Amino acid sequence: MTLDFKWNRLESLTAPALYEIIKAREAVFVVEQQCIYQEIDEMAPHSWHLSVLLAGELAAYARVIDPGLRFEEPSIGRVMTLGKFRKLKIGRALMTEAIAFTEKNFPGTGIRISAQAYLQKFYESLGFQALGDTYDEDHIPHIEMVKAAA
């Protein structure tokens, strides 16, 4: 299995690539997780967008928000794998790429995430530590986590 990792700022995404990202994010975060919220937000223009393609098809996605916007540190968010690709366990490769990119482009800052609580152990296996208790975000339990600067 060969994964193709593509990084873009919003302004460099093609219209078809942006369409596929929006369609996928809505399918996972709004429809599948049954969260009624404005999925496209003001962070998109201030983020690096990571598309993971398998045989030319969008399989997974995450974004890295610039430091000082959502958190003091850069933040990895909107982490998702489309349903038909989940059995391939692409999530670890997706996060490994996102962490490496963030540490390279924002050295010495650490990384902060707002993780769905059921994925806490997964993120801990990648070097994140939980901060505080779980909280409700769009009717899904979340926990704030941080990865110390490399």
C-alpha atoms as a PDB file:
ATOM      1  CA  MET A   1       0.000   0.000   0.000  1.00  0.00           C
ATOM      2  CA  THR A   2       1.515   3.313  -1.087  1.00  0.00           C
ATOM      3  CA  LEU A   3       0.103   6.442   0.538  1.00  0.00           C
ATOM      4  CA  ASP A   4       0.558   9.813  -1.161  1.00  0.00           C
ATOM      5  CA  PHE A   5       0.793  12.686   1.365  1.00  0.00           C
ATOM      6  CA  LYS A   6      -0.101  16.127  -0.024  1.00  0.00           C
ATOM      7  CA  TRP A   7       0.287  19.346   1.971  1.00  0.00           C
ATOM      8  CA  ASN A   8      -1.439  22.558   0.863  1.00  0.00           C
ATOM      9  CA  ARG A   9      -2.431  25.934   2.155  1.00  0.00           C
ATOM     10  CA  LEU A  10      -6.057  26.745   1.359  1.00  0.00           C
ATOM     11  CA  GLU A  11      -5.145  29.085  -1.505  1.00  0.00           C
ATOM     12  CA  SER A  12      -3.093  26.399  -3.259  1.00  0.00           C
ATOM     13  CA  LEU A  13      -5.780  23.692  -3.195  1.00  0.00           C
ATOM     14  CA  THR A  14      -7.492  23.068  -6.509  1.00  0.00           C
ATOM     15  CA  ALA A  15     -11.278  23.372  -6.561  1.00  0.00           C
ATOM     16  CA  PRO A  16     -11.717  19.571  -7.047  1.00  0.00           C
ATOM     17  CA  ALA A  17      -9.304  18.794  -4.162  1.00  0.00           C
ATOM     18  CA  LEU A  18     -11.086  21.256  -1.851  1.00  0.00           C
ATOM     19  CA  TYR A  19     -14.442  19.777  -2.856  1.00  0.00           C
ATOM     20  CA  GLU A  20     -13.251  16.258  -1.934  1.00  0.00           C
ATOM     21  CA  ILE A  21     -11.944  17.488   1.441  1.00  0.00           C
ATOM     22  CA  ILE A  22     -15.181  19.304   2.300  1.00  0.00           C
ATOM     23  CA  LYS A  23     -17.290  16.347   1.170  1.00  0.00           C
ATOM     24  CA  ALA A  24     -15.207  13.932   3.281  1.00  0.00           C
ATOM     25  CA  ARG A  25     -15.172  16.134   6.397  1.00  0.00           C
ATOM     26  CA  GLU A  26     -18.943  16.599   6.238  1.00  0.00           C
ATOM     27  CA  ALA A  27     -19.475  12.848   5.688  1.00  0.00           C
ATOM     28  CA  VAL A  28     -17.428  11.953   8.774  1.00  0.00           C
ATOM     29  CA  PHE A  29     -17.933  14.825  11.215  1.00  0.00           C
ATOM     30  CA  VAL A  30     -21.500  15.954  10.403  1.00  0.00           C
ATOM     31  CA  VAL A  31     -23.315  12.928   8.986  1.00  0.00           C
ATOM     32  CA  GLU A  32     -21.532   9.896  10.492  1.00  0.00           C
ATOM     33  CA  GLN A  33     -20.949  11.460  13.921  1.00  0.00           C
ATOM     34  CA  GLN A  34     -24.345  13.202  13.800  1.00  0.00           C
ATOM     35  CA  CYS A  35     -22.979  16.612  14.796  1.00  0.00           C
ATOM     36  CA  ILE A  36     -24.953  19.572  13.600  1.00  0.00           C
ATOM     37  CA  TYR A  37     -22.375  22.347  13.427  1.00  0.00           C
ATOM     38  CA  GLN A  38     -20.637  24.651  10.979  1.00  0.00           C
ATOM     39  CA  GLU A  39     -17.919  22.262   9.791  1.00  0.00           C
ATOM     40  CA  ILE A  40     -16.050  24.797   7.658  1.00  0.00           C
ATOM     41  CA  ASP A  41     -14.618  27.390  10.022  1.00  0.00           C
ATOM     42  CA  GLU A  42     -12.399  30.444  10.210  1.00  0.00           C
ATOM     43  CA  MET A  43      -9.304  28.277  10.837  1.00  0.00           C
ATOM     44  CA  ALA A  44      -9.195  26.908   7.263  1.00  0.00           C
ATOM     45  CA  PRO A  45      -7.290  29.892   5.773  1.00  0.00           C
ATOM     46  CA  HIS A  46      -4.724  29.657   8.611  1.00  0.00           C
ATOM     47  CA  SER A  47      -4.009  25.954   8.282  1.00  0.00           C
ATOM     48  CA  TRP A  48      -1.916  23.469   6.404  1.00  0.00           C
ATOM     49  CA  HIS A  49      -4.190  20.817   4.886  1.00  0.00           C
ATOM     50  CA  LEU A  50      -2.925  17.239   4.650  1.00  0.00           C
ATOM     51  CA  SER A  51      -4.650  14.974   2.159  1.00  0.00           C
ATOM     52  CA  VAL A  52      -3.708  11.313   2.135  1.00  0.00           C
ATOM     53  CA  LEU A  53      -4.416   9.687  -1.202  1.00  0.00           C
ATOM     54  CA  LEU A  54      -4.520   5.990  -1.961  1.00  0.00           C
ATOM     55  CA  ALA A  55      -4.581   5.125  -5.666  1.00  0.00           C
ATOM     56  CA  GLY A  56      -5.520   8.764  -6.350  1.00  0.00           C
ATOM     57  CA  GLU A  57      -8.526   8.751  -3.998  1.00  0.00           C
ATOM     58  CA  LEU A  58      -8.806  10.791  -0.794  1.00  0.00           C
ATOM     59  CA  ALA A  59      -8.479   8.272   2.048  1.00  0.00           C
ATOM     60  CA  ALA A  60      -7.643  10.448   5.064  1.00  0.00           C
ATOM     61  CA  TYR A  61      -7.213  14.077   6.075  1.00  0.00           C
ATOM     62  CA  ALA A  62      -5.923  16.298   8.856  1.00  0.00           C
ATOM     63  CA  ARG A  63      -5.030  19.941   9.217  1.00  0.00           C
ATOM     64  CA  VAL A  64      -2.381  21.831  11.136  1.00  0.00           C
ATOM     65  CA  ILE A  65      -3.564  25.195  12.463  1.00  0.00           C
ATOM     66  CA  ASP A  66      -0.904  27.873  12.765  1.00  0.00           C
ATOM     67  CA  PRO A  67       0.244  28.676  16.323  1.00  0.00           C
ATOM     68  CA  GLY A  68      -1.475  31.511  18.171  1.00  0.00           C
ATOM     69  CA  LEU A  69      -4.923  30.976  16.659  1.00  0.00           C
ATOM     70  CA  ARG A  70      -6.725  28.110  18.369  1.00  0.00           C
ATOM     71  CA  PHE A  71      -3.964  27.463  20.911  1.00  0.00           C
ATOM     72  CA  GLU A  72      -0.612  29.054  21.642  1.00  0.00           C
ATOM     73  CA  GLU A  73       0.991  26.000  20.024  1.00  0.00           C
ATOM     74  CA  PRO A  74       0.240  24.723  16.520  1.00  0.00           C
ATOM     75  CA  SER A  75      -2.683  22.319  16.572  1.00  0.00           C
ATOM     76  CA  ILE A  76      -3.496  19.189  14.598  1.00  0.00           C
ATOM     77  CA  GLY A  77      -7.208  18.755  14.033  1.00  0.00           C
ATOM     78  CA  ARG A  78     -10.022  17.451  11.838  1.00  0.00           C
ATOM     79  CA  VAL A  79      -8.174  14.126  11.849  1.00  0.00           C
ATOM     80  CA  MET A  80     -10.186  11.551   9.915  1.00  0.00           C
ATOM     81  CA  THR A  81     -10.063   8.482   7.751  1.00  0.00           C
ATOM     82  CA  LEU A  82     -12.947   7.827   5.391  1.00  0.00           C
ATOM     83  CA  GLY A  83     -14.998   4.773   6.341  1.00  0.00           C
ATOM     84  CA  LYS A  84     -14.067   2.574   3.397  1.00  0.00           C
ATOM     85  CA  PHE A  85     -10.352   2.970   4.257  1.00  0.00           C
ATOM     86  CA  ARG A  86     -10.492   2.439   8.042  1.00  0.00           C
ATOM     87  CA  LYS A  87      -9.647  -1.262   7.908  1.00  0.00           C
ATOM     88  CA  LEU A  88      -6.255  -0.224   6.436  1.00  0.00           C
ATOM     89  CA  LYS A  89      -5.300   1.591   9.681  1.00  0.00           C
ATOM     90  CA  ILE A  90      -4.098   4.728   7.905  1.00  0.00           C
ATOM     91  CA  GLY A  91      -4.637   6.870  11.027  1.00  0.00           C
ATOM     92  CA  ARG A  92      -1.190   6.187  12.488  1.00  0.00           C
ATOM     93  CA  ALA A  93       0.564   7.081   9.205  1.00  0.00           C
ATOM     94  CA  LEU A  94      -1.616  10.204   8.930  1.00  0.00           C
ATOM     95  CA  MET A  95      -0.733  11.378  12.443  1.00  0.00           C
ATOM     96  CA  THR A  96       2.953  10.464  12.108  1.00  0.00           C
ATOM     97  CA  GLU A  97       3.144  12.634   8.978  1.00  0.00           C
ATOM     98  CA  ALA A  98       1.204  15.486  10.629  1.00  0.00           C
ATOM     99  CA  ILE A  99       3.430  15.427  13.732  1.00  0.00           C
ATOM    100  CA  ALA A 100       6.658  15.344  11.679  1.00  0.00           C
ATOM    101  CA  PHE A 101       5.451  18.256   9.514  1.00  0.00           C
ATOM    102  CA  THR A 102       4.408  20.297  12.542  1.00  0.00           C
ATOM    103  CA  GLU A 103       7.660  19.709  14.415  1.00  0.00           C
ATOM    104  CA  LYS A 104       9.688  20.610  11.307  1.00  0.00           C
ATOM    105  CA  ASN A 105       7.739  23.776  10.474  1.00  0.00           C
ATOM    106  CA  PHE A 106       7.131  24.985  14.039  1.00  0.00           C
ATOM    107  CA  PRO A 107      10.217  23.777  15.923  1.00  0.00           C
ATOM    108  CA  GLY A 108      10.347  24.054  19.697  1.00  0.00           C
ATOM    109  CA  THR A 109       6.655  24.836  20.139  1.00  0.00           C
ATOM    110  CA  GLY A 110       5.036  21.511  20.992  1.00  0.00           C
ATOM    111  CA  ILE A 111       1.629  20.507  19.604  1.00  0.00           C
ATOM    112  CA  ARG A 112      -1.816  20.777  21.223  1.00  0.00           C
ATOM    113  CA  ILE A 113      -4.909  18.856  20.164  1.00  0.00           C
ATOM    114  CA  SER A 114      -8.532  18.522  21.174  1.00  0.00           C
ATOM    115  CA  ALA A 115      -8.976  14.761  20.869  1.00  0.00           C
ATOM    116  CA  GLN A 116     -12.109  12.683  20.965  1.00  0.00           C
ATOM    117  CA  ALA A 117     -11.803  11.008  24.352  1.00  0.00           C
ATOM    118  CA  TYR A 118     -12.147   7.448  23.047  1.00  0.00           C
ATOM    119  CA  LEU A 119      -8.898   8.012  21.080  1.00  0.00           C
ATOM    120  CA  GLN A 120      -6.857   9.118  24.120  1.00  0.00           C
ATOM    121  CA  LYS A 121      -4.721   5.940  24.216  1.00  0.00           C
ATOM    122  CA  PHE A 122      -4.027   6.197  20.469  1.00  0.00           C
ATOM    123  CA  TYR A 123      -2.756   9.766  20.872  1.00  0.00           C
ATOM    124  CA  GLU A 124      -0.768   8.809  23.977  1.00  0.00           C
ATOM    125  CA  SER A 125       0.977   6.160  21.851  1.00  0.00           C
ATOM    126  CA  LEU A 126       2.098   9.040  19.609  1.00  0.00           C
ATOM    127  CA  GLY A 127       3.585  11.022  22.512  1.00  0.00           C
ATOM    128  CA  PHE A 128       0.640  13.200  23.583  1.00  0.00           C
ATOM    129  CA  GLN A 129      -0.322  13.644  27.244  1.00  0.00           C
ATOM    130  CA  ALA A 130      -3.800  14.498  28.507  1.00  0.00           C
ATOM    131  CA  LEU A 131      -4.430  17.841  30.188  1.00  0.00           C
ATOM    132  CA  GLY A 132      -7.369  18.029  32.588  1.00  0.00           C
ATOM    133  CA  ASP A 133     -10.681  16.255  32.356  1.00  0.00           C
ATOM    134  CA  THR A 134     -12.895  15.395  29.418  1.00  0.00           C
ATOM    135  CA  TYR A 135     -15.315  18.017  28.142  1.00  0.00           C
ATOM    136  CA  ASP A 136     -18.212  18.125  25.715  1.00  0.00           C
ATOM    137  CA  GLU A 137     -17.585  19.443  22.228  1.00  0.00           C
ATOM    138  CA  ASP A 138     -20.512  19.102  19.816  1.00  0.00           C
ATOM    139  CA  HIS A 139     -22.014  16.369  22.047  1.00  0.00           C
ATOM    140  CA  ILE A 140     -18.852  14.222  21.850  1.00  0.00           C
ATOM    141  CA  PRO A 141     -16.506  13.790  24.840  1.00  0.00           C
ATOM    142  CA  HIS A 142     -13.109  15.381  24.107  1.00  0.00           C
ATOM    143  CA  ILE A 143      -9.857  15.818  25.998  1.00  0.00           C
ATOM    144  CA  GLU A 144      -7.154  18.405  25.491  1.00  0.00           C
ATOM    145  CA  MET A 145      -3.754  16.840  24.889  1.00  0.00           C
ATOM    146  CA  VAL A 146      -0.252  18.177  24.330  1.00  0.00           C
ATOM    147  CA  LYS A 147       2.918  16.778  22.810  1.00  0.00           C
ATOM    148  CA  ALA A 148       6.011  18.452  24.241  1.00  0.00           C
ATOM    149  CA  ALA A 149       8.468  20.113  21.895  1.00  0.00           C
ATOM    150  CA  ALA A 150      10.874  17.637  20.323  1.00  0.00           C
END
